[in-house]
């Protein structure tokens, strides 16, 4: 460093550093495609050494999934009454269609073609959604029905978030909840219909 050049101080390792890395990664992944964000760029944005990014998060893939899937999820809904869960899930995801959720969803959709990201998403989906829901269902093919329910939610999110389908975005939310929720409910409680 020369006498006139600014001295750049890196953050020390610790909780504040982990939080700074997570915030920098969240911001960069929301602004740019997964492929366009490097560990070095995240480190520079957070003001840390690149080695600390890996030390705290293990890999770029794990950091990406950690920051892009963080926040309140629908997991707590899975513990609610099964008789109205289809409508509750639709209501929840309709309420999450703001810009931050949209950025997260788009980033996840764009990165899903990476094998390591896809594998981690599959693992998390199974652990957080499919397995707990399947355990609550009765009747045959419980795991398949839980996965199909998630696929239907993915279809709804695709039209709402990725395609911004005017029929859906312009519909009254309670109409969407009623119609789509009833369709989801068929997978949850098929014997009740």
N, C-alpha and C. Protein backbone atom coordinates (compact mmCIF):
# COMPACT_ATOMS: atom_id res chain seq x y z
N UNK A 1 0.83 -1.18 0.00
CA UNK A 1 0.00 0.00 0.00
C UNK A 1 0.88 1.25 0.00
N UNK A 2 0.53 2.17 -0.83
CA UNK A 2 1.25 3.44 -0.81
C UNK A 2 0.64 4.35 0.23
N UNK A 3 1.33 5.39 0.51
CA UNK A 3 0.90 6.34 1.51
C UNK A 3 -0.44 6.98 1.14
N UNK A 4 -0.69 7.17 -0.16
CA UNK A 4 -1.91 7.83 -0.61
C UNK A 4 -3.08 6.88 -0.87
N UNK A 5 -2.83 5.58 -0.97
CA UNK A 5 -3.94 4.66 -1.25
C UNK A 5 -4.70 4.34 0.02
N UNK A 6 -6.03 4.19 -0.10
CA UNK A 6 -6.83 3.91 1.09
C UNK A 6 -6.53 2.51 1.62
N UNK A 7 -6.56 2.39 2.91
CA UNK A 7 -6.35 1.10 3.55
C UNK A 7 -7.72 0.45 3.69
N UNK A 8 -7.84 -0.73 3.15
CA UNK A 8 -9.12 -1.44 3.21
C UNK A 8 -9.04 -2.42 4.37
N UNK A 9 -9.94 -2.27 5.29
CA UNK A 9 -9.96 -3.14 6.45
C UNK A 9 -11.02 -4.22 6.24
N UNK A 10 -10.60 -5.46 6.35
CA UNK A 10 -11.53 -6.57 6.21
C UNK A 10 -12.18 -6.87 7.56
N UNK A 11 -13.39 -7.35 7.52
CA UNK A 11 -14.09 -7.73 8.75
C UNK A 11 -13.44 -8.98 9.33
N UNK A 12 -13.43 -9.10 10.64
CA UNK A 12 -12.95 -10.34 11.26
C UNK A 12 -14.02 -11.41 11.17
N UNK A 13 -13.63 -12.67 11.38
CA UNK A 13 -14.60 -13.76 11.38
C UNK A 13 -15.52 -13.60 12.58
N UNK A 14 -16.77 -14.02 12.46
CA UNK A 14 -17.72 -13.95 13.55
C UNK A 14 -19.14 -13.83 13.02
N UNK A 15 -20.08 -13.65 13.95
CA UNK A 15 -21.49 -13.56 13.58
C UNK A 15 -21.76 -12.37 12.68
N UNK A 16 -21.18 -11.22 13.01
CA UNK A 16 -21.38 -10.04 12.18
C UNK A 16 -20.86 -10.28 10.76
N UNK A 17 -19.76 -10.99 10.65
CA UNK A 17 -19.20 -11.31 9.34
C UNK A 17 -20.13 -12.24 8.58
N UNK A 18 -20.64 -13.26 9.24
CA UNK A 18 -21.58 -14.19 8.61
C UNK A 18 -22.82 -13.43 8.11
N UNK A 19 -23.33 -12.54 8.93
CA UNK A 19 -24.50 -11.75 8.54
C UNK A 19 -24.18 -10.83 7.36
N UNK A 20 -23.00 -10.23 7.36
CA UNK A 20 -22.59 -9.34 6.26
C UNK A 20 -22.47 -10.13 4.96
N UNK A 21 -21.92 -11.34 5.03
CA UNK A 21 -21.80 -12.19 3.85
C UNK A 21 -23.18 -12.57 3.34
N UNK A 22 -24.06 -12.97 4.24
CA UNK A 22 -25.42 -13.36 3.84
C UNK A 22 -26.15 -12.20 3.18
N UNK A 23 -26.04 -11.02 3.75
CA UNK A 23 -26.73 -9.85 3.19
C UNK A 23 -26.14 -9.49 1.83
N UNK A 24 -24.83 -9.53 1.70
CA UNK A 24 -24.18 -9.24 0.41
C UNK A 24 -24.61 -10.26 -0.64
N UNK A 25 -24.64 -11.53 -0.27
CA UNK A 25 -25.04 -12.58 -1.21
C UNK A 25 -26.51 -12.41 -1.61
N UNK A 26 -27.37 -12.14 -0.65
CA UNK A 26 -28.80 -11.95 -0.94
C UNK A 26 -28.99 -10.82 -1.96
N UNK A 27 -28.29 -9.74 -1.73
CA UNK A 27 -28.38 -8.58 -2.62
C UNK A 27 -27.87 -8.93 -4.03
N UNK A 28 -26.71 -9.56 -4.10
CA UNK A 28 -26.12 -9.88 -5.41
C UNK A 28 -26.94 -10.92 -6.17
N UNK A 29 -27.39 -11.96 -5.48
CA UNK A 29 -28.18 -12.99 -6.15
C UNK A 29 -29.53 -12.46 -6.61
N UNK A 30 -30.07 -11.47 -5.93
CA UNK A 30 -31.33 -10.86 -6.35
C UNK A 30 -31.13 -9.96 -7.56
N UNK A 31 -29.95 -9.38 -7.68
CA UNK A 31 -29.66 -8.45 -8.78
C UNK A 31 -29.18 -9.16 -10.03
N UNK A 32 -28.43 -10.24 -9.85
CA UNK A 32 -27.78 -10.92 -10.98
C UNK A 32 -28.12 -12.40 -10.97
N UNK A 33 -27.93 -13.03 -12.09
CA UNK A 33 -28.13 -14.47 -12.18
C UNK A 33 -27.09 -15.19 -11.34
N UNK A 34 -27.43 -16.38 -10.90
CA UNK A 34 -26.55 -17.19 -10.07
C UNK A 34 -25.16 -17.31 -10.69
N UNK A 35 -25.11 -17.57 -11.99
CA UNK A 35 -23.83 -17.76 -12.68
C UNK A 35 -22.97 -16.49 -12.69
N UNK A 36 -23.60 -15.34 -12.59
CA UNK A 36 -22.87 -14.07 -12.66
C UNK A 36 -22.32 -13.61 -11.33
N UNK A 37 -22.60 -14.36 -10.27
CA UNK A 37 -22.15 -13.98 -8.93
C UNK A 37 -21.06 -14.96 -8.50
N UNK A 38 -19.90 -14.42 -8.15
CA UNK A 38 -18.80 -15.28 -7.70
C UNK A 38 -18.60 -15.13 -6.19
N UNK A 39 -17.89 -16.08 -5.61
CA UNK A 39 -17.55 -16.00 -4.19
C UNK A 39 -16.72 -14.75 -3.94
N UNK A 40 -15.83 -14.44 -4.86
CA UNK A 40 -15.01 -13.22 -4.70
C UNK A 40 -15.87 -11.96 -4.70
N UNK A 41 -16.88 -11.92 -5.57
CA UNK A 41 -17.76 -10.74 -5.62
C UNK A 41 -18.55 -10.61 -4.31
N UNK A 42 -19.02 -11.72 -3.79
CA UNK A 42 -19.74 -11.70 -2.51
C UNK A 42 -18.82 -11.21 -1.40
N UNK A 43 -17.61 -11.74 -1.38
CA UNK A 43 -16.64 -11.34 -0.36
C UNK A 43 -16.33 -9.85 -0.46
N UNK A 44 -16.13 -9.37 -1.68
CA UNK A 44 -15.82 -7.95 -1.86
C UNK A 44 -16.99 -7.09 -1.39
N UNK A 45 -18.20 -7.49 -1.71
CA UNK A 45 -19.40 -6.74 -1.30
C UNK A 45 -19.54 -6.72 0.22
N UNK A 46 -19.16 -7.83 0.86
CA UNK A 46 -19.27 -7.93 2.32
C UNK A 46 -18.06 -7.36 3.04
N UNK A 47 -16.98 -7.10 2.30
CA UNK A 47 -15.76 -6.58 2.92
C UNK A 47 -15.00 -7.63 3.70
N UNK A 48 -14.98 -8.86 3.17
CA UNK A 48 -14.29 -9.96 3.85
C UNK A 48 -13.38 -10.68 2.87
N UNK A 49 -12.53 -11.51 3.41
CA UNK A 49 -11.68 -12.37 2.60
C UNK A 49 -12.56 -13.47 2.00
N UNK A 50 -12.36 -13.85 0.73
CA UNK A 50 -13.17 -14.90 0.12
C UNK A 50 -13.16 -16.22 0.90
N UNK A 51 -12.07 -16.51 1.58
CA UNK A 51 -12.01 -17.76 2.35
C UNK A 51 -13.07 -17.78 3.45
N UNK A 52 -13.45 -16.62 3.96
CA UNK A 52 -14.47 -16.57 5.01
C UNK A 52 -15.85 -16.94 4.49
N UNK A 53 -16.10 -16.67 3.22
CA UNK A 53 -17.38 -17.04 2.63
C UNK A 53 -17.53 -18.56 2.69
N UNK A 54 -16.50 -19.26 2.26
CA UNK A 54 -16.52 -20.73 2.28
C UNK A 54 -16.50 -21.25 3.71
N UNK A 55 -15.72 -20.62 4.58
CA UNK A 55 -15.65 -21.05 5.98
C UNK A 55 -17.02 -21.00 6.65
N UNK A 56 -17.76 -19.92 6.39
CA UNK A 56 -19.06 -19.76 7.04
C UNK A 56 -20.18 -20.55 6.37
N UNK A 57 -20.10 -20.75 5.04
CA UNK A 57 -21.24 -21.34 4.34
C UNK A 57 -20.93 -22.64 3.61
N UNK A 58 -19.67 -23.00 3.46
CA UNK A 58 -19.31 -24.27 2.86
C UNK A 58 -19.13 -24.24 1.35
N UNK A 59 -20.02 -23.57 0.64
CA UNK A 59 -19.91 -23.48 -0.81
C UNK A 59 -20.83 -22.37 -1.31
N UNK A 60 -20.63 -21.98 -2.54
CA UNK A 60 -21.49 -20.97 -3.15
C UNK A 60 -22.93 -21.49 -3.22
N UNK A 61 -23.09 -22.78 -3.54
CA UNK A 61 -24.43 -23.36 -3.66
C UNK A 61 -25.18 -23.29 -2.33
N UNK A 62 -24.49 -23.68 -1.25
CA UNK A 62 -25.14 -23.66 0.07
C UNK A 62 -25.44 -22.24 0.53
N UNK A 63 -24.55 -21.31 0.23
CA UNK A 63 -24.81 -19.91 0.56
C UNK A 63 -26.02 -19.42 -0.22
N UNK A 64 -26.05 -19.70 -1.51
CA UNK A 64 -27.18 -19.30 -2.35
C UNK A 64 -28.50 -19.82 -1.79
N UNK A 65 -28.55 -21.12 -1.52
CA UNK A 65 -29.78 -21.70 -1.01
C UNK A 65 -30.14 -21.17 0.37
N UNK A 66 -29.12 -20.93 1.18
CA UNK A 66 -29.38 -20.40 2.52
C UNK A 66 -30.01 -19.02 2.49
N UNK A 67 -29.52 -18.16 1.60
CA UNK A 67 -30.06 -16.80 1.59
C UNK A 67 -31.31 -16.67 0.72
N UNK A 68 -31.44 -17.49 -0.30
CA UNK A 68 -32.60 -17.36 -1.19
C UNK A 68 -33.80 -18.16 -0.71
N UNK A 69 -33.62 -19.03 0.26
CA UNK A 69 -34.76 -19.77 0.81
C UNK A 69 -35.00 -19.41 2.26
N UNK A 70 -34.31 -18.37 2.75
CA UNK A 70 -34.52 -17.98 4.14
C UNK A 70 -35.76 -17.12 4.27
N UNK A 71 -36.13 -16.87 5.47
CA UNK A 71 -37.33 -16.09 5.73
C UNK A 71 -38.47 -17.02 6.06
N UNK A 72 -39.61 -16.44 6.39
CA UNK A 72 -40.74 -17.28 6.76
C UNK A 72 -41.19 -18.13 5.59
N UNK A 73 -41.29 -19.40 5.81
CA UNK A 73 -41.73 -20.32 4.77
C UNK A 73 -43.11 -20.85 5.09
N UNK A 74 -43.61 -21.72 4.25
CA UNK A 74 -44.94 -22.28 4.46
C UNK A 74 -44.94 -23.49 5.38
N UNK A 75 -43.76 -23.80 5.97
CA UNK A 75 -43.67 -25.01 6.78
C UNK A 75 -44.65 -25.02 7.95
N UNK A 76 -44.82 -23.84 8.58
CA UNK A 76 -45.72 -23.78 9.74
C UNK A 76 -47.16 -24.07 9.35
N UNK A 77 -47.52 -23.79 8.11
CA UNK A 77 -48.88 -24.09 7.63
C UNK A 77 -49.15 -25.58 7.60
N UNK A 78 -48.11 -26.35 7.37
CA UNK A 78 -48.29 -27.80 7.28
C UNK A 78 -48.78 -28.41 8.58
N UNK A 79 -48.63 -27.69 9.67
CA UNK A 79 -49.08 -28.18 10.97
C UNK A 79 -50.53 -27.79 11.25
N UNK A 80 -51.11 -26.95 10.40
CA UNK A 80 -52.49 -26.50 10.58
C UNK A 80 -53.49 -27.58 10.21
N UNK A 81 -54.77 -27.25 10.32
CA UNK A 81 -55.83 -28.23 10.02
C UNK A 81 -55.72 -28.74 8.58
N UNK A 82 -55.69 -30.04 8.44
CA UNK A 82 -55.56 -30.67 7.13
C UNK A 82 -56.80 -30.41 6.26
N UNK A 83 -57.95 -30.24 6.89
CA UNK A 83 -59.21 -30.08 6.16
C UNK A 83 -59.26 -28.80 5.33
N UNK A 84 -58.45 -27.81 5.64
CA UNK A 84 -58.47 -26.55 4.90
C UNK A 84 -57.07 -26.16 4.42
N UNK A 85 -56.16 -27.12 4.43
CA UNK A 85 -54.76 -26.83 4.10
C UNK A 85 -54.59 -26.35 2.66
N UNK A 86 -55.36 -26.88 1.72
CA UNK A 86 -55.25 -26.46 0.32
C UNK A 86 -55.49 -24.97 0.19
N UNK A 87 -56.55 -24.48 0.79
CA UNK A 87 -56.87 -23.05 0.73
C UNK A 87 -55.84 -22.23 1.50
N UNK A 88 -55.40 -22.74 2.62
CA UNK A 88 -54.40 -22.01 3.43
C UNK A 88 -53.09 -21.83 2.66
N UNK A 89 -52.66 -22.88 1.95
CA UNK A 89 -51.42 -22.79 1.17
C UNK A 89 -51.56 -21.78 0.03
N UNK A 90 -52.69 -21.81 -0.67
CA UNK A 90 -52.89 -20.85 -1.77
C UNK A 90 -52.91 -19.43 -1.21
N UNK A 91 -53.62 -19.23 -0.13
CA UNK A 91 -53.69 -17.90 0.50
C UNK A 91 -52.29 -17.42 0.89
N UNK A 92 -51.51 -18.32 1.47
CA UNK A 92 -50.15 -17.98 1.90
C UNK A 92 -49.30 -17.54 0.70
N UNK A 93 -49.29 -18.33 -0.37
CA UNK A 93 -48.43 -18.01 -1.50
C UNK A 93 -48.93 -16.80 -2.28
N UNK A 94 -50.21 -16.58 -2.32
CA UNK A 94 -50.73 -15.35 -2.95
C UNK A 94 -50.24 -14.13 -2.17
N UNK A 95 -50.18 -14.24 -0.87
CA UNK A 95 -49.71 -13.14 -0.03
C UNK A 95 -48.22 -12.91 -0.09
N UNK A 96 -47.47 -13.87 -0.66
CA UNK A 96 -46.02 -13.77 -0.74
C UNK A 96 -45.55 -13.30 -2.11
N UNK A 97 -46.42 -12.80 -2.93
CA UNK A 97 -46.01 -12.49 -4.30
C UNK A 97 -45.41 -11.09 -4.46
N UNK A 98 -44.89 -10.51 -3.37
CA UNK A 98 -44.24 -9.21 -3.44
C UNK A 98 -42.89 -9.29 -4.13
N UNK A 99 -42.22 -8.15 -4.25
CA UNK A 99 -40.98 -8.09 -5.04
C UNK A 99 -39.85 -8.92 -4.45
N UNK A 100 -39.71 -8.96 -3.12
CA UNK A 100 -38.62 -9.75 -2.52
C UNK A 100 -38.83 -11.24 -2.80
N UNK A 101 -40.06 -11.72 -2.60
CA UNK A 101 -40.37 -13.12 -2.88
C UNK A 101 -40.16 -13.41 -4.36
N UNK A 102 -40.60 -12.48 -5.21
CA UNK A 102 -40.44 -12.65 -6.66
C UNK A 102 -38.96 -12.79 -7.02
N UNK A 103 -38.10 -11.95 -6.45
CA UNK A 103 -36.67 -12.04 -6.72
C UNK A 103 -36.11 -13.38 -6.27
N UNK A 104 -36.51 -13.84 -5.09
CA UNK A 104 -36.04 -15.13 -4.59
C UNK A 104 -36.50 -16.26 -5.51
N UNK A 105 -37.77 -16.24 -5.86
CA UNK A 105 -38.31 -17.31 -6.71
C UNK A 105 -37.62 -17.33 -8.07
N UNK A 106 -37.44 -16.16 -8.67
CA UNK A 106 -36.76 -16.09 -9.96
C UNK A 106 -35.33 -16.60 -9.86
N UNK A 107 -34.62 -16.20 -8.82
CA UNK A 107 -33.23 -16.65 -8.64
C UNK A 107 -33.17 -18.17 -8.49
N UNK A 108 -34.08 -18.74 -7.72
CA UNK A 108 -34.09 -20.20 -7.54
C UNK A 108 -34.43 -20.90 -8.85
N UNK A 109 -35.40 -20.38 -9.57
CA UNK A 109 -35.78 -21.00 -10.85
C UNK A 109 -34.63 -20.95 -11.85
N UNK A 110 -33.91 -19.83 -11.89
CA UNK A 110 -32.81 -19.69 -12.84
C UNK A 110 -31.60 -20.55 -12.47
N UNK A 111 -31.43 -20.85 -11.19
CA UNK A 111 -30.26 -21.62 -10.76
C UNK A 111 -30.53 -23.12 -10.68
N UNK A 112 -31.76 -23.54 -10.84
CA UNK A 112 -32.12 -24.95 -10.64
C UNK A 112 -31.47 -25.89 -11.65
N UNK A 113 -30.94 -25.36 -12.74
CA UNK A 113 -30.29 -26.24 -13.72
C UNK A 113 -28.90 -26.69 -13.26
N UNK A 114 -28.36 -26.05 -12.24
CA UNK A 114 -27.06 -26.48 -11.69
C UNK A 114 -27.28 -27.72 -10.82
N UNK A 115 -26.53 -28.76 -11.10
CA UNK A 115 -26.73 -30.03 -10.42
C UNK A 115 -26.69 -29.90 -8.89
N UNK A 116 -25.69 -29.20 -8.36
CA UNK A 116 -25.55 -29.09 -6.90
C UNK A 116 -26.70 -28.28 -6.29
N UNK A 117 -27.13 -27.25 -6.96
CA UNK A 117 -28.27 -26.46 -6.48
C UNK A 117 -29.53 -27.32 -6.53
N UNK A 118 -29.74 -28.01 -7.63
CA UNK A 118 -30.93 -28.86 -7.78
C UNK A 118 -30.95 -29.96 -6.72
N UNK A 119 -29.80 -30.58 -6.47
CA UNK A 119 -29.75 -31.63 -5.44
C UNK A 119 -30.10 -31.09 -4.05
N UNK A 120 -29.58 -29.92 -3.73
CA UNK A 120 -29.88 -29.31 -2.43
C UNK A 120 -31.35 -28.90 -2.35
N UNK A 121 -31.90 -28.37 -3.44
CA UNK A 121 -33.32 -28.02 -3.46
C UNK A 121 -34.19 -29.27 -3.28
N UNK A 122 -33.83 -30.35 -3.94
CA UNK A 122 -34.58 -31.60 -3.79
C UNK A 122 -34.53 -32.10 -2.35
N UNK A 123 -33.35 -32.04 -1.74
CA UNK A 123 -33.19 -32.49 -0.36
C UNK A 123 -34.04 -31.64 0.57
N UNK A 124 -33.95 -30.32 0.42
CA UNK A 124 -34.71 -29.42 1.28
C UNK A 124 -36.21 -29.57 1.07
N UNK A 125 -36.62 -29.73 -0.18
CA UNK A 125 -38.04 -29.90 -0.48
C UNK A 125 -38.58 -31.15 0.20
N UNK A 126 -37.80 -32.22 0.13
CA UNK A 126 -38.22 -33.47 0.77
C UNK A 126 -38.30 -33.30 2.28
N UNK A 127 -37.27 -32.72 2.88
CA UNK A 127 -37.21 -32.60 4.34
C UNK A 127 -38.22 -31.61 4.89
N UNK A 128 -38.40 -30.50 4.21
CA UNK A 128 -39.22 -29.41 4.76
C UNK A 128 -40.69 -29.56 4.38
N UNK A 129 -40.96 -30.12 3.21
CA UNK A 129 -42.33 -30.12 2.73
C UNK A 129 -42.90 -31.53 2.54
N UNK A 130 -42.30 -32.32 1.66
CA UNK A 130 -42.90 -33.59 1.26
C UNK A 130 -43.00 -34.58 2.43
N UNK A 131 -41.90 -34.82 3.13
CA UNK A 131 -41.92 -35.81 4.21
C UNK A 131 -42.88 -35.43 5.34
N UNK A 132 -42.83 -34.18 5.85
CA UNK A 132 -43.77 -33.84 6.93
C UNK A 132 -45.24 -33.90 6.48
N UNK A 133 -45.51 -33.46 5.25
CA UNK A 133 -46.89 -33.49 4.78
C UNK A 133 -47.35 -34.92 4.55
N UNK A 134 -46.52 -35.74 3.91
CA UNK A 134 -46.89 -37.13 3.66
C UNK A 134 -47.19 -37.87 4.97
N UNK A 135 -46.46 -37.53 6.02
CA UNK A 135 -46.68 -38.18 7.32
C UNK A 135 -48.06 -37.85 7.89
N UNK A 136 -48.64 -36.74 7.51
CA UNK A 136 -49.96 -36.34 8.02
C UNK A 136 -51.11 -36.88 7.18
N UNK A 137 -50.83 -37.27 5.96
CA UNK A 137 -51.89 -37.73 5.07
C UNK A 137 -52.29 -39.16 5.39
N UNK A 138 -53.50 -39.52 4.99
CA UNK A 138 -53.96 -40.90 5.13
C UNK A 138 -54.24 -41.43 3.73
N UNK A 139 -54.38 -42.72 3.63
CA UNK A 139 -54.70 -43.33 2.35
C UNK A 139 -53.46 -43.69 1.56
N UNK A 140 -53.67 -44.14 0.34
CA UNK A 140 -52.56 -44.60 -0.50
C UNK A 140 -51.74 -43.46 -1.09
N UNK A 141 -50.52 -43.79 -1.50
CA UNK A 141 -49.62 -42.90 -2.25
C UNK A 141 -49.44 -41.53 -1.59
N UNK A 142 -49.26 -41.53 -0.28
CA UNK A 142 -49.17 -40.27 0.47
C UNK A 142 -47.99 -39.41 0.01
N UNK A 143 -46.83 -40.03 -0.18
CA UNK A 143 -45.66 -39.25 -0.62
C UNK A 143 -45.87 -38.67 -2.02
N UNK A 144 -46.44 -39.45 -2.90
CA UNK A 144 -46.73 -38.98 -4.25
C UNK A 144 -47.73 -37.82 -4.21
N UNK A 145 -48.78 -37.95 -3.41
CA UNK A 145 -49.77 -36.89 -3.30
C UNK A 145 -49.16 -35.60 -2.75
N UNK A 146 -48.25 -35.73 -1.77
CA UNK A 146 -47.57 -34.55 -1.22
C UNK A 146 -46.71 -33.89 -2.29
N UNK A 147 -46.01 -34.70 -3.08
CA UNK A 147 -45.17 -34.14 -4.16
C UNK A 147 -46.02 -33.50 -5.24
N UNK A 148 -47.16 -34.10 -5.57
CA UNK A 148 -48.05 -33.51 -6.57
C UNK A 148 -48.64 -32.20 -6.07
N UNK A 149 -48.94 -32.12 -4.80
CA UNK A 149 -49.43 -30.86 -4.22
C UNK A 149 -48.39 -29.77 -4.40
N UNK A 150 -47.14 -30.10 -4.12
CA UNK A 150 -46.06 -29.13 -4.30
C UNK A 150 -45.91 -28.75 -5.77
N UNK A 151 -46.07 -29.71 -6.66
CA UNK A 151 -45.99 -29.42 -8.10
C UNK A 151 -47.10 -28.46 -8.50
N UNK A 152 -48.29 -28.62 -7.95
CA UNK A 152 -49.38 -27.71 -8.28
C UNK A 152 -49.11 -26.31 -7.74
N UNK A 153 -48.53 -26.21 -6.56
CA UNK A 153 -48.16 -24.90 -6.03
C UNK A 153 -47.10 -24.27 -6.93
N UNK A 154 -46.14 -25.09 -7.39
CA UNK A 154 -45.13 -24.60 -8.32
C UNK A 154 -45.74 -24.06 -9.60
N UNK A 155 -46.76 -24.72 -10.09
CA UNK A 155 -47.46 -24.25 -11.28
C UNK A 155 -48.13 -22.91 -11.05
N UNK A 156 -48.76 -22.76 -9.90
CA UNK A 156 -49.39 -21.49 -9.54
C UNK A 156 -48.36 -20.39 -9.46
N UNK A 157 -47.24 -20.68 -8.79
CA UNK A 157 -46.18 -19.67 -8.67
C UNK A 157 -45.57 -19.33 -10.03
N UNK A 158 -45.45 -20.32 -10.88
CA UNK A 158 -44.92 -20.07 -12.22
C UNK A 158 -45.78 -19.04 -12.95
N UNK A 159 -47.09 -19.23 -12.93
CA UNK A 159 -47.97 -18.30 -13.62
C UNK A 159 -48.04 -16.94 -12.93
N UNK A 160 -48.00 -16.92 -11.62
CA UNK A 160 -48.07 -15.66 -10.89
C UNK A 160 -46.77 -14.87 -10.95
N UNK A 161 -45.66 -15.55 -10.69
CA UNK A 161 -44.38 -14.86 -10.50
C UNK A 161 -43.56 -14.77 -11.79
N UNK A 162 -43.40 -15.88 -12.48
CA UNK A 162 -42.55 -15.87 -13.68
C UNK A 162 -43.28 -15.27 -14.88
N UNK A 163 -44.51 -15.71 -15.11
CA UNK A 163 -45.23 -15.26 -16.30
C UNK A 163 -46.14 -14.06 -16.03
N UNK A 164 -46.43 -13.81 -14.77
CA UNK A 164 -47.34 -12.73 -14.39
C UNK A 164 -48.61 -12.77 -15.24
N UNK A 165 -49.22 -13.94 -15.28
CA UNK A 165 -50.44 -14.18 -16.06
C UNK A 165 -51.54 -13.21 -15.64
N UNK A 166 -52.03 -12.37 -16.56
CA UNK A 166 -53.01 -11.34 -16.21
C UNK A 166 -54.31 -11.87 -15.63
N UNK A 167 -54.75 -13.04 -16.08
CA UNK A 167 -55.99 -13.59 -15.53
C UNK A 167 -55.83 -13.87 -14.05
N UNK A 168 -54.67 -14.43 -13.69
CA UNK A 168 -54.42 -14.73 -12.27
C UNK A 168 -54.09 -13.48 -11.46
N UNK A 169 -53.23 -12.63 -12.00
CA UNK A 169 -52.83 -11.44 -11.24
C UNK A 169 -53.99 -10.46 -11.09
N UNK A 170 -54.96 -10.53 -12.00
CA UNK A 170 -56.11 -9.63 -11.93
C UNK A 170 -57.30 -10.21 -11.19
N UNK A 171 -57.24 -11.49 -10.87
CA UNK A 171 -58.36 -12.14 -10.18
C UNK A 171 -58.40 -11.74 -8.71
N UNK A 172 -59.60 -11.78 -8.15
CA UNK A 172 -59.75 -11.54 -6.72
C UNK A 172 -59.03 -12.66 -5.98
N UNK A 173 -58.16 -12.33 -5.03
CA UNK A 173 -57.41 -13.37 -4.32
C UNK A 173 -58.29 -14.47 -3.72
N UNK A 174 -59.43 -14.11 -3.15
CA UNK A 174 -60.28 -15.14 -2.53
C UNK A 174 -60.88 -16.09 -3.57
N UNK A 175 -61.08 -15.61 -4.81
CA UNK A 175 -61.55 -16.50 -5.88
C UNK A 175 -60.47 -17.52 -6.21
N UNK A 176 -59.23 -17.07 -6.28
CA UNK A 176 -58.11 -17.98 -6.55
C UNK A 176 -57.97 -18.97 -5.40
N UNK A 177 -58.06 -18.48 -4.18
CA UNK A 177 -57.96 -19.34 -3.01
C UNK A 177 -59.04 -20.42 -3.06
N UNK A 178 -60.26 -20.03 -3.36
CA UNK A 178 -61.38 -20.98 -3.38
C UNK A 178 -61.20 -22.03 -4.48
N UNK A 179 -60.95 -21.57 -5.70
CA UNK A 179 -60.86 -22.50 -6.83
C UNK A 179 -59.62 -23.39 -6.75
N UNK A 180 -58.46 -22.79 -6.56
CA UNK A 180 -57.22 -23.57 -6.57
C UNK A 180 -57.07 -24.35 -5.28
N UNK A 181 -57.51 -23.74 -4.18
CA UNK A 181 -57.45 -24.44 -2.90
C UNK A 181 -58.27 -25.71 -2.90
N UNK A 182 -59.43 -25.67 -3.56
CA UNK A 182 -60.26 -26.87 -3.66
C UNK A 182 -59.56 -27.96 -4.47
N UNK A 183 -58.86 -27.55 -5.53
CA UNK A 183 -58.12 -28.52 -6.34
C UNK A 183 -56.99 -29.16 -5.52
N UNK A 184 -56.27 -28.36 -4.75
CA UNK A 184 -55.21 -28.90 -3.90
C UNK A 184 -55.78 -29.83 -2.84
N UNK A 185 -56.94 -29.47 -2.33
CA UNK A 185 -57.54 -30.25 -1.24
C UNK A 185 -57.84 -31.68 -1.69
N UNK A 186 -58.10 -31.87 -2.97
CA UNK A 186 -58.35 -33.22 -3.50
C UNK A 186 -57.16 -34.16 -3.23
N UNK A 187 -55.96 -33.60 -3.28
CA UNK A 187 -54.77 -34.41 -3.01
C UNK A 187 -54.57 -34.64 -1.52
N UNK A 188 -55.02 -33.71 -0.72
CA UNK A 188 -54.82 -33.80 0.73
C UNK A 188 -55.82 -34.74 1.40
N UNK A 189 -57.08 -34.58 1.03
CA UNK A 189 -58.15 -35.37 1.67
C UNK A 189 -59.06 -35.94 0.58
N UNK A 190 -58.58 -36.88 -0.22
CA UNK A 190 -59.39 -37.39 -1.34
C UNK A 190 -60.66 -38.09 -0.91
N UNK A 191 -60.68 -38.68 0.27
CA UNK A 191 -61.86 -39.42 0.74
C UNK A 191 -62.98 -38.49 1.17
N UNK A 192 -62.66 -37.22 1.44
CA UNK A 192 -63.67 -36.27 1.91
C UNK A 192 -64.48 -35.70 0.77
N UNK A 193 -64.13 -36.01 -0.48
CA UNK A 193 -64.82 -35.39 -1.62
C UNK A 193 -65.58 -36.41 -2.42
